[in-house]
Amino acid sequence: MIRRIIGGTLIALVALVVIAILVWRGDILRSGLDPEVPFQTYDPPPATDYADVSAWALRDAGNEGGAAIFFIHSTTYDGGDHWNAPIDQPESERWLWRSVLPNHAALFSRSGLVSAPRYRQASLYTRLTIREDAREARVFAYQDILAAFDAWLARNPEGPIIVAGVEQGGELAARLLRERVAPDTALHGRLVAAYLMDATVPADEYGTGAALPACRDRAETGCVFAWVQVREMDDETLRRLDRRAMGWTDQGTLELLGDRPYLCVNPVLGVRTDRRAEQREHLGGANATDLEWGVRPAFLNRQVSAQCQDGVLRYSRPASDVFGPTGSWADRRKAPSYNLFYADLEADVERRLQAWDQSAAGRSARQSNSASST
């Protein structure tokens, strides 16, 4: 009898432990990524020199004769040892080359030369909490992006430019546009478009009359193309997004967006609209993970419908299983290891670059005529 009682008790305890792990697994794994040192006393990794080619994951990679593209990669470092990743952190570098660059940077390569700086990115942990330490780590990453952008501009003093970023990269690009591009008339005039992919940015900063408005026409230039995506019926992800979404203040800090709606430009339609993009309009997604740079992926079209609803792009379940979460718990909380809108975005970039070229040719012709008449 005693053995049965002890055995039953042990079974019950094991069951409780299993249930606890299942219920609190996310909290347990997340706490393992906490550096457990206040950011104020944290000694960050050393900075890099963006005049050095080793400071760039990509530098002028792609096709000559198009735009110069400044691409800011998404979060690739999980956390644990640092608030901000060292430039050469091995696991981060592997994820960058395996997933982020082939899925999110390569689509720009047909339209110009892509440059992607390595930077002291904020860890994944900083995106899973709203602690002040985490915010400061995300703010810290911007100094590297600004330094890289200025070095990149020095190498590209004229011609069309594109600014693009994914997830954390989109957040940092939003501040770069706000503080560096929008106030500079000449620089703004060179902007084909800015692509803030899977990034939460407040819609009220990109309205009509803004220095950098949201894209309202498929051939518009000098505009901002941004969205954050959540699958239809996945309301838990949407709730987590709303609890943690932040935007930049005039002081260069991050604050919760609260009830401010996010900017949503539908990547299938190429404009800011509430119209639903039907599945038949979807040009194609791609799972380019593990492809080498320069290898164009195969597209799967008509995979999803997509609609901006209350500032969030809600998309239908993809028809193919290749567009599903894979990898570890941490990997599934990073930018997707595929691109549902690869072909749509590639076509959008080419269309806006062509419009910019035509507009530039018109400006040049008008200037020549004006000079001749004088």
Foldseek 3Di string as FASTA:
>chain_A
DVVVVVVVVVVVVVVVVVVCCVVCVVVVVLVQQDLPDFLVPDDAADADQLVDPVQWPFDQDADPDAAEEEEEEWAQAAHNNDQWDHLPDPSSSLCCQQFTCQFPVLLCRHGTTYIYGRWRAGHLSLQQDQDPSSQVSLLVRLVNVVSNVVVNCVVVVDAAYEYEYEASGLQSVVVCCVPPQLVDPRSLLRFLEYEREQAFEFQVCAPPPHSAHAAADLQDGSHYAYAHADAPPPVVVVVSCQVRHWHADPVSTIDRPHLGAGFHQPLLRNHRDQDKAALQSQPFKFQRGPPGRPDRGDTDGSFWIWGQDSRHIYIYHGPDPSQDDDDDPSSSSIPGSIGGRSVSVSVSSVSSRVSSVVVVVVVVVVVVVVVVVD
